[in-house]
Amino acid sequence: MVKLALFVRLEAKAGKESEVESFLKSGLPLVMEEPATIAWFGIRLGPTTFGIFDAFPDEAGRQAHLSGKVAAALMAKAGDLFSEPPSIEEVDVLAAKLPG
């Protein structure tokens, strides 16, 4: 059961939109290595606004993701790709439909 999630809002620097898109796509193989990351989405919300939504069964899974490879890569690229620091919100999942 998915109970917890993260919503990360990312605002691309002018001219860096395609690099942000590529960065998000490149994160998928890293997330596939995280057994407690039940769902992960790299999303585009607008011309320069992107995001990540990921879901976990418990706090341990969420914390493992926050200290994992994708989070490290995100913070390493933040200054180059984003016009402001990533906004990371810890959220509760009230209802979900997942395959399986």
Protein backbone atom coordinates (compact mmCIF):
# COMPACT_ATOMS: atom_id res chain seq x y z
CA MET A 1 0.00 0.00 0.00
CA VAL A 2 1.26 3.44 -0.93
CA LYS A 3 0.96 5.83 2.00
CA LEU A 4 3.56 8.55 1.53
CA ALA A 5 4.91 10.54 -1.39
CA LEU A 6 7.10 13.40 -2.48
CA PHE A 7 6.16 16.18 -4.85
CA VAL A 8 9.14 18.10 -6.20
CA ARG A 9 8.59 21.25 -8.25
CA LEU A 10 11.41 22.26 -10.57
CA GLU A 11 11.66 25.56 -12.44
CA ALA A 12 14.09 25.38 -15.37
CA LYS A 13 16.48 28.20 -16.13
CA ALA A 14 15.77 29.93 -19.43
CA GLY A 15 17.14 27.80 -22.25
CA LYS A 16 17.62 24.73 -20.02
CA GLU A 17 14.19 23.16 -20.58
CA SER A 18 15.40 20.34 -22.83
CA GLU A 19 18.25 19.56 -20.42
CA VAL A 20 15.78 19.31 -17.52
CA GLU A 21 13.59 16.99 -19.59
CA SER A 22 16.59 14.79 -20.41
CA PHE A 23 17.68 14.81 -16.78
CA LEU A 24 14.28 13.58 -15.63
CA LYS A 25 14.24 10.82 -18.24
CA SER A 26 17.73 9.73 -17.16
CA GLY A 27 16.53 9.32 -13.57
CA LEU A 28 14.27 6.37 -14.35
CA PRO A 29 17.00 3.68 -14.41
CA LEU A 30 18.28 4.91 -11.05
CA VAL A 31 14.82 4.77 -9.50
CA MET A 32 14.32 1.25 -10.84
CA GLU A 33 17.05 0.20 -8.36
CA GLU A 34 14.95 1.43 -5.40
CA PRO A 35 12.59 -1.33 -4.24
CA ALA A 36 10.67 0.96 -1.87
CA THR A 37 9.90 3.52 -4.58
CA ILE A 38 6.53 2.11 -5.63
CA ALA A 39 5.75 4.77 -8.24
CA TRP A 40 7.88 7.49 -9.81
CA PHE A 41 6.91 10.11 -12.38
CA GLY A 42 8.99 12.79 -14.07
CA ILE A 43 6.44 15.36 -15.24
CA ARG A 44 6.15 18.64 -17.14
CA LEU A 45 3.68 21.13 -15.73
CA GLY A 46 4.30 23.98 -18.17
CA PRO A 47 6.88 25.47 -20.55
CA THR A 48 9.56 25.85 -17.86
CA THR A 49 7.98 24.03 -14.90
CA PHE A 50 8.73 20.38 -14.26
CA GLY A 51 8.25 18.04 -11.37
CA ILE A 52 8.77 14.66 -9.81
CA PHE A 53 6.08 12.70 -8.02
CA ASP A 54 7.04 9.49 -6.28
CA ALA A 55 5.27 7.24 -3.78
CA PHE A 56 6.37 4.93 -0.98
CA PRO A 57 4.87 2.38 1.41
CA ASP A 58 6.45 3.96 4.49
CA GLU A 59 8.77 6.65 5.84
CA ALA A 60 11.81 4.38 5.55
CA GLY A 61 11.22 4.08 1.80
CA ARG A 62 10.79 7.82 1.41
CA GLN A 63 13.97 8.53 3.36
CA ALA A 64 15.90 5.93 1.36
CA HIS A 65 14.85 7.71 -1.82
CA LEU A 66 15.79 11.12 -0.44
CA SER A 67 19.28 9.82 0.31
CA GLY A 68 19.56 7.86 -2.97
CA LYS A 69 21.22 8.42 -6.33
CA VAL A 70 18.43 10.41 -7.97
CA ALA A 71 18.26 12.90 -5.10
CA ALA A 72 22.05 13.29 -5.15
CA ALA A 73 22.02 13.89 -8.91
CA LEU A 74 19.18 16.39 -8.56
CA MET A 75 21.03 18.45 -5.98
CA ALA A 76 24.30 18.25 -7.94
CA LYS A 77 22.59 19.68 -11.07
CA ALA A 78 20.32 22.17 -9.29
CA GLY A 79 22.54 25.21 -9.72
CA ASP A 80 23.04 24.58 -13.42
CA LEU A 81 19.51 23.59 -14.46
CA PHE A 82 17.07 25.39 -12.17
CA SER A 83 16.27 29.05 -11.60
CA GLU A 84 15.48 28.35 -7.94
CA PRO A 85 16.18 25.47 -5.56
CA PRO A 86 13.91 22.44 -6.00
CA SER A 87 10.79 22.64 -3.84
CA ILE A 88 10.47 19.24 -2.09
CA GLU A 89 7.16 18.58 -0.37
CA GLU A 90 6.47 15.50 1.74
CA VAL A 91 2.85 14.50 1.18
CA ASP A 92 0.43 11.84 2.38
CA VAL A 93 -1.31 9.65 -0.20
CA LEU A 94 -5.04 9.48 0.59
CA ALA A 95 -6.02 7.15 -2.28
CA ALA A 96 -4.17 5.42 -5.12
CA LYS A 97 -4.71 3.02 -7.98
CA LEU A 98 -1.61 1.16 -9.09
CA PRO A 99 -1.10 -1.85 -11.34
CA GLY A 100 -0.59 -5.15 -9.75
